[in-house]
Amino acid sequence: MKAFVFPGQGAQFPGMGKALYEENPQAKELFERANEILGFRITDIMFEGTAEELKQTNVTQPAVFLHSVILAKTTPDFAPDMVAGHSLGELSALVANGTLAFEDGLKLVYQRALAMQEACEINPSTMAAILGLADEKVEEICASISDEVVVPANYNCPGQLVISGSNKGIEIACEKMKEAGAKRALPLPVGGAFHSPLMEPAREKLQTAIEATTFHTPSCPVYQNVSTTAVSEVAEIKANLIAQLTAPVKWTQSVQNMVADGATEFVECGPGKVLQGLVKKIHPEAEVSGL
């Protein structure tokens, strides 16, 4: 069975989507439609902008989403048996399997980006990657820091867990992780503590937007970051999507469940190759490729 997986923030690169725009009339039409919906020419930033310009959350999220979704929409015989997306990528996956219309998906992504940006400004916070430590140990250390917010945020693959929290909390946690034997404890260049309780203001805003959006029955199940299992029920998809901003991204568990349900081939749909690498670390026997 074939699983299509969609990357999140961090996969962007200058020039992304340019060849697709120039070579495919359908892609060009969708990109231009996106410029209209957003009210600015995101294509100019994607194709000609600097890495710095692309790094702004209100640009990054729609840019990665557009690259992923337009690739899926312009791929002949695109027929996934299952889909999943890493954080922001979950919205790309929901357009790819027909749960969301292209326009609605883009509007939600943009609202998500602005809400997250705002939440970051309310609570200055950050994230750090912890390498070479068991997930259980990372969870234990996070739980031991009681006077600051520090939580596991992204279960990327065995031995690679990203934590999220207040600036002070992350600083304390990184020291404790190193003492516990982590190979690396690296603060990440992000705008805030994504997938932590500090994103609550963004979650509330996004909930309102999600509840006002039409969701359709998907063409195939989605393995969501929060539940990690196959979901096809619209009400459940919505609830998981709302919970996602303040809950961890359980990527390791999602991939394991896709494999258990018969996935043998994983195709990354979007910029970069990050997810192909993670899938290989989670399940070395999997066939991986990119569109």
Protein backbone atom coordinates (compact mmCIF):
# COMPACT_ATOMS: atom_id res chain seq x y z
CA MET A 1 0.00 0.00 0.00
CA LYS A 2 1.12 3.52 -0.77
CA ALA A 3 1.21 6.29 1.84
CA PHE A 4 1.69 9.93 0.90
CA VAL A 5 3.30 12.10 3.57
CA PHE A 6 3.43 15.91 3.70
CA PRO A 7 6.20 17.99 5.32
CA GLY A 8 5.82 20.85 7.80
CA GLN A 9 7.52 24.13 8.58
CA GLY A 10 11.28 23.98 8.04
CA ALA A 11 11.12 22.22 4.66
CA GLN A 12 11.00 25.50 2.71
CA PHE A 13 13.83 26.66 0.44
CA PRO A 14 14.34 29.65 -1.91
CA GLY A 15 13.01 28.92 -5.40
CA MET A 16 10.52 26.30 -4.16
CA GLY A 17 7.71 25.53 -6.61
CA LYS A 18 9.16 27.69 -9.40
CA ALA A 19 9.69 24.88 -11.92
CA LEU A 20 6.22 23.53 -11.16
CA TYR A 21 4.70 26.98 -11.85
CA GLU A 22 6.62 27.41 -15.09
CA GLU A 23 6.09 23.93 -16.49
CA ASN A 24 2.51 23.09 -15.53
CA PRO A 25 -0.46 25.30 -16.54
CA GLN A 26 -2.71 23.77 -13.85
CA ALA A 27 -0.07 24.48 -11.20
CA LYS A 28 0.29 28.07 -12.43
CA GLU A 29 -3.48 28.55 -12.15
CA LEU A 30 -3.52 27.23 -8.56
CA PHE A 31 -0.55 29.39 -7.51
CA GLU A 32 -2.25 32.49 -8.98
CA ARG A 33 -5.48 31.56 -7.21
CA ALA A 34 -3.46 31.39 -3.96
CA ASN A 35 -2.02 34.88 -4.57
CA GLU A 36 -5.58 36.19 -4.87
CA ILE A 37 -6.81 34.42 -1.72
CA LEU A 38 -3.85 35.59 0.38
CA GLY A 39 -3.95 39.15 -0.94
CA PHE A 40 -0.21 39.22 -1.69
CA ARG A 41 2.04 37.49 -4.23
CA ILE A 42 3.41 34.64 -2.15
CA THR A 43 4.82 33.19 -5.39
CA ASP A 44 7.27 36.15 -5.62
CA ILE A 45 8.66 35.28 -2.16
CA MET A 46 8.73 31.53 -2.90
CA PHE A 47 10.46 31.86 -6.27
CA GLU A 48 12.70 34.93 -5.76
CA GLY A 49 12.80 35.58 -1.98
CA THR A 50 15.67 34.97 0.42
CA ALA A 51 15.78 32.18 3.01
CA GLU A 52 15.22 34.90 5.64
CA GLU A 53 12.02 36.15 3.95
CA LEU A 54 10.76 32.59 3.58
CA LYS A 55 11.33 31.95 7.29
CA GLN A 56 8.52 34.24 8.48
CA THR A 57 5.73 32.03 9.81
CA ASN A 58 3.02 33.86 7.82
CA VAL A 59 4.99 33.04 4.62
CA THR A 60 6.52 29.65 5.49
CA GLN A 61 3.30 27.83 6.34
CA PRO A 62 1.30 28.78 3.20
CA ALA A 63 4.42 28.31 1.04
CA VAL A 64 5.08 24.73 2.21
CA PHE A 65 1.35 23.94 2.00
CA LEU A 66 1.06 25.29 -1.57
CA HIS A 67 4.14 23.46 -2.82
CA SER A 68 2.86 20.17 -1.33
CA VAL A 69 -0.78 20.44 -2.36
CA ILE A 70 -0.13 21.70 -5.89
CA LEU A 71 2.35 18.85 -6.42
CA ALA A 72 -0.32 16.37 -5.34
CA LYS A 73 -3.02 18.00 -7.48
CA THR A 74 -0.86 18.01 -10.63
CA THR A 75 0.46 14.45 -10.26
CA PRO A 76 -1.26 12.13 -12.74
CA ASP A 77 -3.13 9.19 -11.13
CA PHE A 78 -2.59 10.55 -7.61
CA ALA A 79 -4.31 7.85 -5.55
CA PRO A 80 -3.03 7.41 -2.00
CA ASP A 81 -4.17 4.51 0.18
CA MET A 82 -3.46 6.65 3.26
CA VAL A 83 -2.03 10.08 4.06
CA ALA A 84 -0.30 11.85 6.95
CA GLY A 85 1.35 15.22 7.46
CA HIS A 86 3.91 16.51 9.94
CA SER A 87 2.35 19.40 11.91
CA LEU A 88 1.38 21.95 9.23
CA GLY A 89 1.61 19.07 6.71
CA GLU A 90 -1.57 17.59 8.18
CA LEU A 91 -3.56 20.35 6.45
CA SER A 92 -1.83 19.54 3.14
CA ALA A 93 -2.76 15.87 3.66
CA LEU A 94 -6.40 16.82 4.27
CA VAL A 95 -6.58 18.68 0.95
CA ALA A 96 -4.82 15.78 -0.81
CA ASN A 97 -7.43 13.25 0.41
CA GLY A 98 -10.39 15.51 -0.34
CA THR A 99 -11.36 16.39 3.24
CA LEU A 100 -10.76 20.09 2.54
CA ALA A 101 -11.15 22.12 -0.65
CA PHE A 102 -7.93 23.80 -1.85
CA GLU A 103 -9.20 27.32 -1.03
CA ASP A 104 -10.46 26.32 2.43
CA GLY A 105 -7.20 24.54 3.25
CA LEU A 106 -5.16 27.59 2.25
CA LYS A 107 -7.34 29.95 4.31
CA LEU A 108 -6.98 27.70 7.37
CA VAL A 109 -3.20 27.47 6.93
CA TYR A 110 -2.92 31.24 6.72
CA GLN A 111 -5.14 31.75 9.78
CA ARG A 112 -3.08 29.11 11.61
CA ALA A 113 0.16 30.90 10.73
CA LEU A 114 -1.09 34.31 11.89
CA ALA A 115 -2.56 32.87 15.09
CA MET A 116 0.70 31.06 15.90
CA GLN A 117 2.71 34.22 15.18
CA GLU A 118 0.50 36.14 17.58
CA ALA A 119 0.78 33.46 20.29
CA CYS A 120 4.59 33.62 19.96
CA GLU A 121 4.50 37.38 20.56
CA ILE A 122 2.33 36.95 23.69
CA ASN A 123 4.67 34.31 25.20
CA PRO A 124 8.31 34.51 24.05
CA SER A 125 9.27 30.84 23.87
CA THR A 126 11.27 28.34 21.85
CA MET A 127 12.02 24.70 20.97
CA ALA A 128 15.07 22.40 21.11
CA ALA A 129 16.02 19.13 19.42
CA ILE A 130 17.17 16.34 21.75
CA LEU A 131 19.25 13.67 20.02
CA GLY A 132 20.34 10.28 21.30
CA LEU A 133 18.12 9.98 24.36
CA ALA A 134 15.20 7.57 24.89
CA ASP A 135 11.76 9.16 24.52
CA GLU A 136 10.84 8.05 28.04
CA LYS A 137 13.88 9.83 29.51
CA VAL A 138 13.05 13.05 27.64
CA GLU A 139 9.45 12.85 28.92
CA GLU A 140 10.69 12.26 32.47
CA ILE A 141 13.04 15.29 32.39
CA CYS A 142 10.32 17.55 30.93
CA ALA A 143 7.93 16.45 33.68
CA SER A 144 10.54 17.17 36.37
CA ILE A 145 10.71 20.88 35.48
CA SER A 146 7.64 22.06 37.33
CA ASP A 147 7.99 25.83 37.50
CA GLU A 148 8.40 26.37 33.72
CA VAL A 149 6.52 25.09 30.65
CA VAL A 150 8.53 22.30 28.95
CA VAL A 151 6.88 19.48 27.00
CA PRO A 152 7.76 16.91 24.31
CA ALA A 153 6.57 18.48 21.04
CA ASN A 154 7.70 16.36 18.06
CA TYR A 155 8.34 12.61 18.22
CA ASN A 156 10.26 12.64 14.93
CA CYS A 157 11.94 9.22 15.01
CA PRO A 158 13.55 7.03 17.69
CA GLY A 159 16.34 9.06 19.32
CA GLN A 160 15.11 12.39 17.94
CA LEU A 161 12.57 14.28 20.00
CA VAL A 162 11.91 18.02 19.88
CA ILE A 163 10.87 19.75 23.09
CA SER A 164 8.92 22.98 23.38
CA GLY A 165 8.44 25.56 26.13
CA SER A 166 9.39 28.85 27.77
CA ASN A 167 12.87 30.19 27.03
CA LYS A 168 13.99 29.52 30.61
CA GLY A 169 12.38 26.07 30.65
CA ILE A 170 14.15 25.01 27.45
CA GLU A 171 17.48 26.29 28.80
CA ILE A 172 17.10 24.22 32.01
CA ALA A 173 15.88 21.17 30.07
CA CYS A 174 18.82 21.25 27.62
CA GLU A 175 21.29 21.17 30.53
CA LYS A 176 19.45 18.27 32.17
CA MET A 177 19.24 16.35 28.87
CA LYS A 178 23.01 16.64 28.37
CA GLU A 179 23.63 15.49 31.94
CA ALA A 180 21.37 12.50 31.26
CA GLY A 181 23.51 11.51 28.24
CA ALA A 182 21.87 13.20 25.24
CA LYS A 183 24.28 13.42 22.27
CA ARG A 184 22.93 16.89 21.46
CA ALA A 185 20.47 19.33 22.95
CA LEU A 186 20.14 22.04 20.32
CA PRO A 187 17.91 25.12 20.64
CA LEU A 188 16.12 25.58 17.29
CA PRO A 189 15.77 28.84 15.32
CA VAL A 190 11.96 28.99 15.65
CA GLY A 191 9.63 31.78 16.63
CA GLY A 192 7.98 30.04 19.57
CA ALA A 193 6.91 26.96 21.48
CA PHE A 194 4.83 25.15 18.87
CA HIS A 195 2.82 22.11 20.02
CA SER A 196 2.85 23.20 23.67
CA PRO A 197 0.32 24.73 26.09
CA LEU A 198 1.80 28.13 25.17
CA MET A 199 -0.05 27.84 21.83
CA GLU A 200 -3.45 27.94 23.58
CA PRO A 201 -4.36 31.43 22.23
CA ALA A 202 -3.69 30.16 18.69
CA ARG A 203 -5.66 26.96 19.29
CA GLU A 204 -8.73 28.96 20.32
CA LYS A 205 -8.56 31.12 17.18
CA LEU A 206 -8.01 28.14 14.93
CA GLN A 207 -10.90 26.25 16.54
CA THR A 208 -13.28 29.04 15.49
CA ALA A 209 -11.91 28.95 11.92
CA ILE A 210 -12.07 25.14 11.70
CA GLU A 211 -15.65 25.04 12.98
CA ALA A 212 -16.67 27.55 10.30
CA THR A 213 -15.08 25.47 7.49
CA THR A 214 -16.76 22.72 5.47
CA PHE A 215 -15.10 19.31 5.83
CA HIS A 216 -15.90 16.42 3.45
CA THR A 217 -15.61 12.66 3.85
CA PRO A 218 -12.03 11.78 2.80
CA SER A 219 -11.11 9.47 -0.08
CA CYS A 220 -8.69 7.59 2.20
CA PRO A 221 -7.80 7.66 5.91
CA VAL A 222 -5.52 10.26 7.45
CA TYR A 223 -3.14 9.35 10.28
CA GLN A 224 -3.25 12.44 12.47
CA ASN A 225 -0.49 13.82 14.69
CA VAL A 226 -2.66 13.68 17.81
CA SER A 227 -4.34 10.26 17.45
CA THR A 228 -1.68 8.49 15.26
CA THR A 229 -4.31 6.05 13.92
CA ALA A 230 -6.39 5.90 10.72
CA VAL A 231 -9.20 8.47 10.82
CA SER A 232 -11.99 8.89 8.26
CA GLU A 233 -14.75 10.46 10.40
CA VAL A 234 -15.14 14.19 9.77
CA ALA A 235 -15.98 15.05 13.42
CA GLU A 236 -12.89 13.19 14.64
CA ILE A 237 -10.64 14.78 12.00
CA LYS A 238 -11.81 18.24 13.13
CA ALA A 239 -11.29 17.50 16.84
CA ASN A 240 -7.76 16.18 16.22
CA LEU A 241 -6.90 19.17 14.05
CA ILE A 242 -8.04 21.59 16.76
CA ALA A 243 -6.07 19.71 19.45
CA GLN A 244 -2.93 19.61 17.28
CA LEU A 245 -1.55 23.07 18.09
CA THR A 246 -1.12 22.41 21.81
CA ALA A 247 -0.44 18.64 21.57
CA PRO A 248 2.72 16.80 20.45
CA VAL A 249 3.29 15.64 16.87
CA LYS A 250 3.50 11.87 17.23
CA TRP A 251 5.21 11.17 13.91
CA THR A 252 7.07 8.02 15.02
CA GLN A 253 3.83 6.42 16.24
CA SER A 254 1.88 7.51 13.11
CA VAL A 255 4.42 5.90 10.75
CA GLN A 256 4.49 2.72 12.87
CA ASN A 257 0.68 2.52 12.65
CA MET A 258 0.70 3.10 8.88
CA VAL A 259 3.19 0.25 8.51
CA ALA A 260 1.07 -1.97 10.78
CA ASP A 261 -1.92 -1.18 8.55
CA GLY A 262 -0.07 -2.27 5.40
CA ALA A 263 1.96 0.71 4.13
CA THR A 264 5.06 -0.49 2.29
CA GLU A 265 5.80 2.60 0.21
CA PHE A 266 6.02 6.19 1.49
CA VAL A 267 6.01 9.10 -0.97
CA GLU A 268 6.95 12.53 0.35
CA CYS A 269 4.88 15.20 -1.34
CA GLY A 270 6.35 18.68 -0.95
CA PRO A 271 9.66 20.50 -0.51
CA GLY A 272 12.71 18.69 0.87
CA LYS A 273 13.38 15.11 1.96
CA VAL A 274 13.08 15.36 5.74
CA LEU A 275 10.19 12.91 6.08
CA GLN A 276 11.83 10.33 3.81
CA GLY A 277 14.77 10.29 6.23
CA LEU A 278 12.53 10.01 9.29
CA VAL A 279 10.44 7.18 7.79
CA LYS A 280 13.64 5.24 7.03
CA LYS A 281 14.79 5.64 10.64
CA ILE A 282 11.41 4.51 11.97
CA HIS A 283 10.98 1.61 9.52
CA PRO A 284 14.18 0.80 7.59
CA GLU A 285 12.37 -1.71 5.30
CA ALA A 286 10.02 0.95 3.89
CA GLU A 287 10.43 2.11 0.30
CA VAL A 288 10.71 5.90 0.30
CA SER A 289 10.66 8.44 -2.52
CA GLY A 290 9.62 12.01 -3.26
CA LEU A 291 7.34 13.54 -5.87
